[in-house]
Each structure stands twice: as structure tokens, then as C-alpha cells.
C-alpha atoms as a PDB file:
ATOM      1  CA  UNK A   1     -98.879  21.943 -40.336  1.00  0.00           C
ATOM      2  CA  UNK A   2     -97.820  25.035 -42.964  1.00  0.00           C
ATOM      3  CA  UNK A   3     -97.510  27.121 -40.336  1.00  0.00           C
ATOM      4  CA  UNK A   4     -95.582  24.462 -38.399  1.00  0.00           C
ATOM      5  CA  UNK A   5     -93.213  24.801 -41.018  1.00  0.00           C
ATOM      6  CA  UNK A   6     -92.398  28.101 -41.383  1.00  0.00           C
ATOM      7  CA  UNK A   7     -91.936  28.701 -37.519  1.00  0.00           C
ATOM      8  CA  UNK A   8     -89.633  25.599 -37.390  1.00  0.00           C
ATOM      9  CA  UNK A   9     -87.382  27.119 -40.816  1.00  0.00           C
ATOM     10  CA  UNK A  10     -87.224  30.635 -38.995  1.00  0.00           C
ATOM     11  CA  UNK A  11     -85.721  29.088 -35.723  1.00  0.00           C
ATOM     12  CA  UNK A  12     -83.282  26.899 -37.531  1.00  0.00           C
ATOM     13  CA  UNK A  13     -82.351  29.965 -40.089  1.00  0.00           C
ATOM     14  CA  UNK A  14     -81.466  31.724 -36.822  1.00  0.00           C
ATOM     15  CA  UNK A  15     -79.760  29.418 -35.238  1.00  0.00           C
ATOM     16  CA  UNK A  16     -78.009  29.028 -38.277  1.00  0.00           C
ATOM     17  CA  UNK A  17     -76.978  32.901 -38.138  1.00  0.00           C
ATOM     18  CA  UNK A  18     -76.335  33.102 -34.656  1.00  0.00           C
ATOM     19  CA  UNK A  19     -73.722  30.228 -35.292  1.00  0.00           C
ATOM     20  CA  UNK A  20     -72.228  32.320 -37.846  1.00  0.00           C
ATOM     21  CA  UNK A  21     -71.988  35.352 -36.373  1.00  0.00           C
ATOM     22  CA  UNK A  22     -70.200  33.453 -33.813  1.00  0.00           C
ATOM     23  CA  UNK A  23     -67.846  31.887 -36.022  1.00  0.00           C
ATOM     24  CA  UNK A  24     -66.804  35.760 -37.599  1.00  0.00           C
ATOM     25  CA  UNK A  25     -65.941  36.544 -34.143  1.00  0.00           C
ATOM     26  CA  UNK A  26     -62.343  37.203 -34.236  1.00  0.00           C
ATOM     27  CA  UNK A  27     -60.172  35.229 -32.032  1.00  0.00           C
ATOM     28  CA  UNK A  28     -59.183  36.467 -28.435  1.00  0.00           C
ATOM     29  CA  UNK A  29     -55.286  36.566 -28.041  1.00  0.00           C
ATOM     30  CA  UNK A  30     -54.075  34.723 -24.988  1.00  0.00           C
ATOM     31  CA  UNK A  31     -52.982  37.386 -22.431  1.00  0.00           C
ATOM     32  CA  UNK A  32     -48.953  36.984 -21.961  1.00  0.00           C
ATOM     33  CA  UNK A  33     -48.006  37.696 -18.098  1.00  0.00           C
ATOM     34  CA  UNK A  34     -45.943  41.129 -18.436  1.00  0.00           C
ATOM     35  CA  UNK A  35     -42.257  39.669 -16.491  1.00  0.00           C
ATOM     36  CA  UNK A  36     -41.304  41.504 -13.623  1.00  0.00           C
ATOM     37  CA  UNK A  37     -37.874  41.833 -12.697  1.00  0.00           C
ATOM     38  CA  UNK A  38     -37.011  39.781  -8.929  1.00  0.00           C
ATOM     39  CA  UNK A  39     -33.978  40.061  -6.918  1.00  0.00           C
ATOM     40  CA  UNK A  40     -31.578  37.107  -7.477  1.00  0.00           C
ATOM     41  CA  UNK A  41     -31.828  34.644  -4.332  1.00  0.00           C
ATOM     42  CA  UNK A  42     -28.483  35.125  -1.960  1.00  0.00           C
ATOM     43  CA  UNK A  43     -26.640  31.996  -2.398  1.00  0.00           C
ATOM     44  CA  UNK A  44     -26.363  29.630   0.605  1.00  0.00           C
ATOM     45  CA  UNK A  45     -22.661  30.145   1.254  1.00  0.00           C
ATOM     46  CA  UNK A  46     -22.825  33.616   1.287  1.00  0.00           C
ATOM     47  CA  UNK A  47     -25.855  33.449   4.277  1.00  0.00           C
ATOM     48  CA  UNK A  48     -23.575  31.689   6.277  1.00  0.00           C
ATOM     49  CA  UNK A  49     -23.178  33.198   9.995  1.00  0.00           C
ATOM     50  CA  UNK A  50     -19.887  36.276  10.233  1.00  0.00           C
ATOM     51  CA  UNK A  51     -19.203  36.292  13.834  1.00  0.00           C
ATOM     52  CA  UNK A  52     -15.896  37.953  13.662  1.00  0.00           C
ATOM     53  CA  UNK A  53     -15.272  41.530  15.049  1.00  0.00           C
ATOM     54  CA  UNK A  54     -12.193  43.683  14.590  1.00  0.00           C
ATOM     55  CA  UNK A  55      -9.785  43.330  17.599  1.00  0.00           C
ATOM     56  CA  UNK A  56     -11.244  40.233  18.627  1.00  0.00           C
ATOM     57  CA  UNK A  57      -9.448  37.770  20.419  1.00  0.00           C
ATOM     58  CA  UNK A  58     -11.721  34.283  19.403  1.00  0.00           C
ATOM     59  CA  UNK A  59      -9.165  31.481  20.451  1.00  0.00           C
ATOM     60  CA  UNK A  60      -6.303  30.170  22.330  1.00  0.00           C
ATOM     61  CA  UNK A  61      -4.418  27.158  22.309  1.00  0.00           C
ATOM     62  CA  UNK A  62      -0.705  25.261  23.394  1.00  0.00           C
ATOM     63  CA  UNK A  63       1.022  23.991  20.610  1.00  0.00           C
ATOM     64  CA  UNK A  64       2.919  20.853  22.419  1.00  0.00           C
ATOM     65  CA  UNK A  65       5.011  18.046  20.276  1.00  0.00           C
ATOM     66  CA  UNK A  66       2.687  14.875  20.026  1.00  0.00           C
ATOM     67  CA  UNK A  67       3.439  11.111  19.569  1.00  0.00           C
ATOM     68  CA  UNK A  68       4.424  10.854  15.886  1.00  0.00           C
ATOM     69  CA  UNK A  69       5.778   7.782  13.587  1.00  0.00           C
ATOM     70  CA  UNK A  70       9.632   8.293  13.597  1.00  0.00           C
ATOM     71  CA  UNK A  71      10.462  10.778  10.432  1.00  0.00           C
ATOM     72  CA  UNK A  72      14.317  11.013   9.663  1.00  0.00           C
ATOM     73  CA  UNK A  73      15.088  14.738   9.337  1.00  0.00           C
ATOM     74  CA  UNK A  74      16.321  16.448  11.568  1.00  0.00           C
ATOM     75  CA  UNK A  75      14.165  19.229  11.743  1.00  0.00           C
ATOM     76  CA  UNK A  76      11.261  16.523  13.166  1.00  0.00           C
ATOM     77  CA  UNK A  77      13.783  16.539  16.133  1.00  0.00           C
ATOM     78  CA  UNK A  78      12.716  20.409  17.752  1.00  0.00           C
ATOM     79  CA  UNK A  79       9.674  21.239  15.946  1.00  0.00           C
ATOM     80  CA  UNK A  80       8.215  24.791  17.188  1.00  0.00           C
ATOM     81  CA  UNK A  81       6.231  24.959  20.143  1.00  0.00           C
ATOM     82  CA  UNK A  82       4.636  27.768  22.526  1.00  0.00           C
ATOM     83  CA  UNK A  83       1.323  29.745  23.171  1.00  0.00           C
ATOM     84  CA  UNK A  84      -0.775  30.746  20.563  1.00  0.00           C
ATOM     85  CA  UNK A  85      -3.906  33.168  20.460  1.00  0.00           C
ATOM     86  CA  UNK A  86      -6.096  33.475  17.414  1.00  0.00           C
ATOM     87  CA  UNK A  87      -7.414  37.048  17.148  1.00  0.00           C
ATOM     88  CA  UNK A  88      -9.206  39.187  14.011  1.00  0.00           C
ATOM     89  CA  UNK A  89      -6.932  42.044  12.845  1.00  0.00           C
ATOM     90  CA  UNK A  90      -8.037  45.642  12.278  1.00  0.00           C
ATOM     91  CA  UNK A  91      -8.526  44.625   8.353  1.00  0.00           C
ATOM     92  CA  UNK A  92     -11.260  41.829   9.806  1.00  0.00           C
ATOM     93  CA  UNK A  93      -8.597  39.004   8.499  1.00  0.00           C
ATOM     94  CA  UNK A  94      -7.818  35.782  10.997  1.00  0.00           C
ATOM     95  CA  UNK A  95      -4.783  35.789  12.260  1.00  0.00           C
ATOM     96  CA  UNK A  96      -2.758  33.183  14.104  1.00  0.00           C
ATOM     97  CA  UNK A  97      -0.123  34.358  16.639  1.00  0.00           C
ATOM     98  CA  UNK A  98       2.298  31.775  18.198  1.00  0.00           C
ATOM     99  CA  UNK A  99       4.902  33.310  20.895  1.00  0.00           C
ATOM    100  CA  UNK A 100       7.360  30.189  20.675  1.00  0.00           C
ATOM    101  CA  UNK A 101       9.443  28.789  23.866  1.00  0.00           C
ATOM    102  CA  UNK A 102      12.260  29.618  21.533  1.00  0.00           C
ATOM    103  CA  UNK A 103      11.663  32.987  20.316  1.00  0.00           C
ATOM    104  CA  UNK A 104      14.899  32.858  17.919  1.00  0.00           C
ATOM    105  CA  UNK A 105      13.307  30.325  16.407  1.00  0.00           C
ATOM    106  CA  UNK A 106      10.439  31.987  15.133  1.00  0.00           C
ATOM    107  CA  UNK A 107      12.085  33.075  11.226  1.00  0.00           C
ATOM    108  CA  UNK A 108      13.267  29.357  11.000  1.00  0.00           C
ATOM    109  CA  UNK A 109       9.754  28.186  11.985  1.00  0.00           C
ATOM    110  CA  UNK A 110       8.471  29.848   9.022  1.00  0.00           C
ATOM    111  CA  UNK A 111      11.046  28.590   6.635  1.00  0.00           C
ATOM    112  CA  UNK A 112      11.195  25.386   7.539  1.00  0.00           C
ATOM    113  CA  UNK A 113       7.839  23.800   8.773  1.00  0.00           C
ATOM    114  CA  UNK A 114       4.162  23.546   7.558  1.00  0.00           C
ATOM    115  CA  UNK A 115       1.828  25.323  10.105  1.00  0.00           C
ATOM    116  CA  UNK A 116      -1.447  24.738   9.421  1.00  0.00           C
ATOM    117  CA  UNK A 117      -5.185  25.341  10.741  1.00  0.00           C
ATOM    118  CA  UNK A 118      -6.870  21.852  10.144  1.00  0.00           C
ATOM    119  CA  UNK A 119     -10.203  20.443  10.854  1.00  0.00           C
ATOM    120  CA  UNK A 120      -8.327  17.468  12.490  1.00  0.00           C
ATOM    121  CA  UNK A 121      -8.919  16.982  16.585  1.00  0.00           C
ATOM    122  CA  UNK A 122      -6.142  16.481  19.520  1.00  0.00           C
ATOM    123  CA  UNK A 123      -8.798  16.308  22.263  1.00  0.00           C
ATOM    124  CA  UNK A 124      -9.975  13.144  21.973  1.00  0.00           C
ATOM    125  CA  UNK A 125     -13.385  13.853  20.605  1.00  0.00           C
ATOM    126  CA  UNK A 126     -14.364  12.438  16.736  1.00  0.00           C
ATOM    127  CA  UNK A 127     -12.504  14.056  13.739  1.00  0.00           C
ATOM    128  CA  UNK A 128     -15.063  15.916  11.873  1.00  0.00           C
ATOM    129  CA  UNK A 129     -16.553  13.881   8.358  1.00  0.00           C
ATOM    130  CA  UNK A 130     -14.569  15.733   5.846  1.00  0.00           C
ATOM    131  CA  UNK A 131     -10.445  16.866   6.502  1.00  0.00           C
ATOM    132  CA  UNK A 132      -9.442  20.012   5.709  1.00  0.00           C
ATOM    133  CA  UNK A 133      -6.250  22.170   6.488  1.00  0.00           C
ATOM    134  CA  UNK A 134      -5.356  25.805   5.598  1.00  0.00           C
ATOM    135  CA  UNK A 135      -1.374  26.787   5.258  1.00  0.00           C
ATOM    136  CA  UNK A 136      -0.498  29.667   7.403  1.00  0.00           C
ATOM    137  CA  UNK A 137       2.834  29.573   6.247  1.00  0.00           C
ATOM    138  CA  UNK A 138       2.790  32.229   3.444  1.00  0.00           C
ATOM    139  CA  UNK A 139       3.936  35.860   2.245  1.00  0.00           C
ATOM    140  CA  UNK A 140       1.451  37.213   4.821  1.00  0.00           C
ATOM    141  CA  UNK A 141       3.472  35.811   7.367  1.00  0.00           C
ATOM    142  CA  UNK A 142       5.739  38.105   9.468  1.00  0.00           C
ATOM    143  CA  UNK A 143       7.768  38.059  12.916  1.00  0.00           C
ATOM    144  CA  UNK A 144       7.204  41.294  15.275  1.00  0.00           C
ATOM    145  CA  UNK A 145      10.071  42.986  17.020  1.00  0.00           C
ATOM    146  CA  UNK A 146       9.448  40.910  20.298  1.00  0.00           C
ATOM    147  CA  UNK A 147       9.804  37.689  18.226  1.00  0.00           C
ATOM    148  CA  UNK A 148       5.705  36.659  18.067  1.00  0.00           C
ATOM    149  CA  UNK A 149       5.145  34.910  14.799  1.00  0.00           C
ATOM    150  CA  UNK A 150       2.140  36.109  13.389  1.00  0.00           C
ATOM    151  CA  UNK A 151       0.418  34.243  10.753  1.00  0.00           C
ATOM    152  CA  UNK A 152      -2.937  35.393   9.062  1.00  0.00           C
ATOM    153  CA  UNK A 153      -5.506  32.954   7.632  1.00  0.00           C
ATOM    154  CA  UNK A 154      -5.093  33.836   3.653  1.00  0.00           C
ATOM    155  CA  UNK A 155      -8.334  33.754   0.939  1.00  0.00           C
ATOM    156  CA  UNK A 156     -11.970  34.975   1.336  1.00  0.00           C
ATOM    157  CA  UNK A 157     -13.681  31.546   1.971  1.00  0.00           C
ATOM    158  CA  UNK A 158     -16.972  32.443   3.414  1.00  0.00           C
ATOM    159  CA  UNK A 159     -16.806  30.055   6.102  1.00  0.00           C
ATOM    160  CA  UNK A 160     -14.253  32.136   8.006  1.00  0.00           C
ATOM    161  CA  UNK A 161     -16.862  34.214   9.156  1.00  0.00           C
ATOM    162  CA  UNK A 162     -17.391  31.304  11.660  1.00  0.00           C
ATOM    163  CA  UNK A 163     -13.819  29.376  12.016  1.00  0.00           C
ATOM    164  CA  UNK A 164     -14.747  27.278  14.636  1.00  0.00           C
ATOM    165  CA  UNK A 165     -14.581  23.886  12.341  1.00  0.00           C
ATOM    166  CA  UNK A 166     -10.801  24.071  12.604  1.00  0.00           C
ATOM    167  CA  UNK A 167      -9.939  22.351  15.598  1.00  0.00           C
ATOM    168  CA  UNK A 168      -5.991  22.728  15.663  1.00  0.00           C
ATOM    169  CA  UNK A 169      -2.621  24.221  14.571  1.00  0.00           C
ATOM    170  CA  UNK A 170      -0.748  21.452  12.949  1.00  0.00           C
ATOM    171  CA  UNK A 171       2.807  21.377  12.347  1.00  0.00           C
ATOM    172  CA  UNK A 172       5.287  19.242  10.265  1.00  0.00           C
ATOM    173  CA  UNK A 173       7.944  19.760   8.039  1.00  0.00           C
ATOM    174  CA  UNK A 174       7.666  21.689   5.022  1.00  0.00           C
ATOM    175  CA  UNK A 175       4.639  19.628   4.092  1.00  0.00           C
ATOM    176  CA  UNK A 176       5.856  16.317   4.557  1.00  0.00           C
ATOM    177  CA  UNK A 177       6.104  13.120   7.111  1.00  0.00           C
ATOM    178  CA  UNK A 178       3.654  13.672  10.138  1.00  0.00           C
ATOM    179  CA  UNK A 179       2.104  16.131  12.416  1.00  0.00           C
ATOM    180  CA  UNK A 180       5.117  16.512  14.735  1.00  0.00           C
ATOM    181  CA  UNK A 181       3.237  19.470  17.101  1.00  0.00           C
ATOM    182  CA  UNK A 182      -0.262  20.162  17.400  1.00  0.00           C
ATOM    183  CA  UNK A 183      -1.982  22.651  19.394  1.00  0.00           C
ATOM    184  CA  UNK A 184      -6.219  22.202  19.999  1.00  0.00           C
ATOM    185  CA  UNK A 185      -7.725  25.093  19.666  1.00  0.00           C
ATOM    186  CA  UNK A 186     -10.600  26.474  22.656  1.00  0.00           C
ATOM    187  CA  UNK A 187     -12.023  29.003  20.356  1.00  0.00           C
ATOM    188  CA  UNK A 188     -14.419  31.885  22.528  1.00  0.00           C
ATOM    189  CA  UNK A 189     -16.966  32.238  19.851  1.00  0.00           C
ATOM    190  CA  UNK A 190     -20.389  31.297  20.988  1.00  0.00           C
ATOM    191  CA  UNK A 191     -22.318  29.169  18.184  1.00  0.00           C
ATOM    192  CA  UNK A 192     -24.936  30.739  16.237  1.00  0.00           C
ATOM    193  CA  UNK A 193     -27.299  28.151  16.187  1.00  0.00           C
ATOM    194  CA  UNK A 194     -27.154  26.945  20.395  1.00  0.00           C
ATOM    195  CA  UNK A 195     -29.304  23.810  20.624  1.00  0.00           C
ATOM    196  CA  UNK A 196     -29.614  22.827  16.933  1.00  0.00           C
ATOM    197  CA  UNK A 197     -30.235  19.075  16.683  1.00  0.00           C
ATOM    198  CA  UNK A 198     -31.211  17.439  13.476  1.00  0.00           C
ATOM    199  CA  UNK A 199     -34.821  15.357  13.658  1.00  0.00           C
ATOM    200  CA  UNK A 200     -35.567  12.665  11.431  1.00  0.00           C
ATOM    201  CA  UNK A 201     -39.192  13.200   9.631  1.00  0.00           C
ATOM    202  CA  UNK A 202     -39.136  10.558   7.263  1.00  0.00           C
ATOM    203  CA  UNK A 203     -37.820   9.871   4.064  1.00  0.00           C
ATOM    204  CA  UNK A 204     -39.106  12.087   1.424  1.00  0.00           C
ATOM    205  CA  UNK A 205     -39.010  12.950  -2.350  1.00  0.00           C
ATOM    206  CA  UNK A 206     -35.266  13.692  -2.825  1.00  0.00           C
ATOM    207  CA  UNK A 207     -34.585  13.004   0.495  1.00  0.00           C
ATOM    208  CA  UNK A 208     -34.081   8.862   0.582  1.00  0.00           C
ATOM    209  CA  UNK A 209     -31.014   8.589   1.774  1.00  0.00           C
ATOM    210  CA  UNK A 210     -30.116   6.744   5.197  1.00  0.00           C
ATOM    211  CA  UNK A 211     -28.749   8.512   8.569  1.00  0.00           C
ATOM    212  CA  UNK A 212     -27.191   6.981  11.142  1.00  0.00           C
ATOM    213  CA  UNK A 213     -27.805   7.357  14.607  1.00  0.00           C
ATOM    214  CA  UNK A 214     -25.141   7.187  17.875  1.00  0.00           C
ATOM    215  CA  UNK A 215     -27.012   7.166  21.303  1.00  0.00           C
ATOM    216  CA  UNK A 216     -29.965   8.770  20.502  1.00  0.00           C
ATOM    217  CA  UNK A 217     -28.340  11.613  18.071  1.00  0.00           C
ATOM    218  CA  UNK A 218     -28.704  11.708  14.704  1.00  0.00           C
ATOM    219  CA  UNK A 219     -24.724  11.809  13.810  1.00  0.00           C
ATOM    220  CA  UNK A 220     -24.424  12.102   9.684  1.00  0.00           C
ATOM    221  CA  UNK A 221     -26.634  11.484   6.773  1.00  0.00           C
ATOM    222  CA  UNK A 222     -25.372   9.390   3.484  1.00  0.00           C
ATOM    223  CA  UNK A 223     -27.481  10.975   0.508  1.00  0.00           C
ATOM    224  CA  UNK A 224     -29.479   8.978  -2.497  1.00  0.00           C
ATOM    225  CA  UNK A 225     -29.308   9.809  -6.107  1.00  0.00           C
ATOM    226  CA  UNK A 226     -31.142  12.980  -6.962  1.00  0.00           C
ATOM    227  CA  UNK A 227     -31.138  13.999  -3.126  1.00  0.00           C
ATOM    228  CA  UNK A 228     -31.427  17.752  -2.578  1.00  0.00           C
ATOM    229  CA  UNK A 229     -29.962  20.205   0.141  1.00  0.00           C
ATOM    230  CA  UNK A 230     -33.481  21.947   0.261  1.00  0.00           C
ATOM    231  CA  UNK A 231     -35.197  18.112   0.629  1.00  0.00           C
ATOM    232  CA  UNK A 232     -32.780  16.885   2.935  1.00  0.00           C
ATOM    233  CA  UNK A 233     -33.132  19.910   5.402  1.00  0.00           C
ATOM    234  CA  UNK A 234     -36.234  19.755   4.927  1.00  0.00           C
ATOM    235  CA  UNK A 235     -36.221  16.070   6.295  1.00  0.00           C
ATOM    236  CA  UNK A 236     -34.232  16.737   9.239  1.00  0.00           C
ATOM    237  CA  UNK A 237     -35.837  19.913  10.830  1.00  0.00           C
ATOM    238  CA  UNK A 238     -33.152  22.440   9.709  1.00  0.00           C
ATOM    239  CA  UNK A 239     -32.603  25.503   6.859  1.00  0.00           C
ATOM    240  CA  UNK A 240     -30.530  24.999   4.006  1.00  0.00           C
ATOM    241  CA  UNK A 241     -28.132  27.362   5.589  1.00  0.00           C
ATOM    242  CA  UNK A 242     -27.830  25.550   9.016  1.00  0.00           C
ATOM    243  CA  UNK A 243     -26.904  22.642   6.715  1.00  0.00           C
ATOM    244  CA  UNK A 244     -24.152  24.183   5.021  1.00  0.00           C
ATOM    245  CA  UNK A 245     -22.885  25.352   7.967  1.00  0.00           C
ATOM    246  CA  UNK A 246     -22.770  21.619   9.812  1.00  0.00           C
ATOM    247  CA  UNK A 247     -20.825  20.824   6.834  1.00  0.00           C
ATOM    248  CA  UNK A 248     -18.354  24.066   6.071  1.00  0.00           C
ATOM    249  CA  UNK A 249     -16.495  21.805   3.389  1.00  0.00           C
ATOM    250  CA  UNK A 250     -19.847  21.976   1.275  1.00  0.00           C
ATOM    251  CA  UNK A 251     -19.794  25.824   0.950  1.00  0.00           C
ATOM    252  CA  UNK A 252     -17.343  25.844  -2.361  1.00  0.00           C
ATOM    253  CA  UNK A 253     -20.535  23.503  -3.896  1.00  0.00           C
ATOM    254  CA  UNK A 254     -23.451  24.106  -1.647  1.00  0.00           C
ATOM    255  CA  UNK A 255     -26.167  23.150  -4.270  1.00  0.00           C
ATOM    256  CA  UNK A 256     -24.786  19.251  -4.786  1.00  0.00           C
ATOM    257  CA  UNK A 257     -25.027  16.330  -2.630  1.00  0.00           C
ATOM    258  CA  UNK A 258     -22.553  13.522  -3.418  1.00  0.00           C
ATOM    259  CA  UNK A 259     -24.056  10.129  -3.874  1.00  0.00           C
ATOM    260  CA  UNK A 260     -22.949   8.043  -1.410  1.00  0.00           C
ATOM    261  CA  UNK A 261     -20.632  10.626   0.327  1.00  0.00           C
ATOM    262  CA  UNK A 262     -21.853  11.328   4.012  1.00  0.00           C
ATOM    263  CA  UNK A 263     -22.527  15.104   5.013  1.00  0.00           C
ATOM    264  CA  UNK A 264     -22.465  15.284   8.764  1.00  0.00           C
ATOM    265  CA  UNK A 265     -25.750  16.345  10.997  1.00  0.00           C
ATOM    266  CA  UNK A 266     -24.616  16.881  14.741  1.00  0.00           C
ATOM    267  CA  UNK A 267     -23.431  20.363  15.841  1.00  0.00           C
ATOM    268  CA  UNK A 268     -20.889  18.551  18.175  1.00  0.00           C
ATOM    269  CA  UNK A 269     -18.727  16.911  14.969  1.00  0.00           C
ATOM    270  CA  UNK A 270     -18.639  19.851  13.178  1.00  0.00           C
END
């Protein structure tokens, strides 16, 4: 019995020494990962297709008077008409060139009329969801010696790398009144995404909105609050850049969907 108690005491004592020794060990400092520099992501808008090549003719059209509401201004009686070509000049800038039916009226056209590239359609097809216009009459406008009106498209908007979302040239009186003349544009640029078709894979986190289907084709989508471009694109089986290409008006703010404001999902309605 005495020997047993001694043995037990030795064991307890050793255990206490072990615990004490453990408690004296310094605490291991938590390892902090060394930060590494990562390249910043290229903004979505800067990933949009850039299809333009210097010296190309990329579109044509025929500027003609169209039916419009009466407008009490003598300039509305004879708006400029003629043939147009759209080219990429030696600086890589898009130019609309108008060879008017009345070449002598070229200078007057610059002074008296607003001439714009527009998303509006004058070919019987549905207008895009968002209406955009880009003015062509500016300090850059000029008239060649043989009377051709040269109208460069100003600005450096990234979506001008593929301007085929602009469907017409329109003319009105100095920015007022109805459209007096218009030219549907026949673009010769190839699509960067041939066969692009949205397929709905079902409601997902941050992609809870409502899609519209017409004749079996998904045409548009109305975002819910907190929807994101990334998740909406994934829901419909396309990339974020393709979603932005379908909706070039979003290029200035590609990361922000607007609750209740439809976005386009059909290439034919771009």
C-alpha cells in the first residue's frame, strides 16, 4: 500500500511537471501570408471587341426624306439627302461621308441641321431597348473640294470598336423637331460573336429577374435588386463582355444593373 501511494505520487508529480512545462512554452505567432502583387483586372468595357482597321469602308446607306410630323421651319422643306459611306480614317477614327444630291448644300447642311448616328431603326425592325445618339456636326466636320461632307465621329467611347449597334443616320433642324431624313446603315463588319444565343439556366443567386421570350428566343431581362452582371451572364450562358456587347449603352457603367430597367439578350436586337 505504501509503495503504491509513492508510485501514484510520482506519476501525479510528473504529470504536473509536464503541464507546467507546456504552459511555459511561448505561444506560436500566427503566420501572416506575405501579400503578393496581382495585376488589376482589365475593365469590362475595355474588353469589348475592337473590329476597326484603318482604311476600311465599314458601312453604306441612302439618306432620304421620311414621313414626319409637320414642322414650321423653311429648312424642314428641303433637308439634305444623298449617299453615305462610313469609313475608318488613317487615324483609326470613324467618319460618316455624305455625298449630297445637292453638293452646293454641304456647308449649309453643317450650319442648319443636326446630323446624328442613332440606335433608332428605319428598316422596319424593332428599335433597341435603349435610344442613343451621337452627334456628327462639330468642329471636326468639313467639306472636301468636290463637295463631299466629312463628319468624324468624335469621342473615344470603347463601344465604337464595334459601332454596329448604331442603325441609322438621322437629320433634323438644328437638334429640334422631328427627324426629316434618315438612312438605314448596311454594316459590312462581321459579328464578333456569330451565333450568340442566350439560354436561361434558371433563377440563381443575384440573378432573380424575369426574362422575356418571343418566338422561342430570349429577347430581354428585367433585373431584380442586387442582381450582378457576373451572375446574370452566367444564368444565360454568356460572358460578361458578351452581355456588355449586347448592351453597349452600359459601357459607361458596366458593373451596375438598374432594377426594373430591361437589358437586351438578343444579338438581333443589339
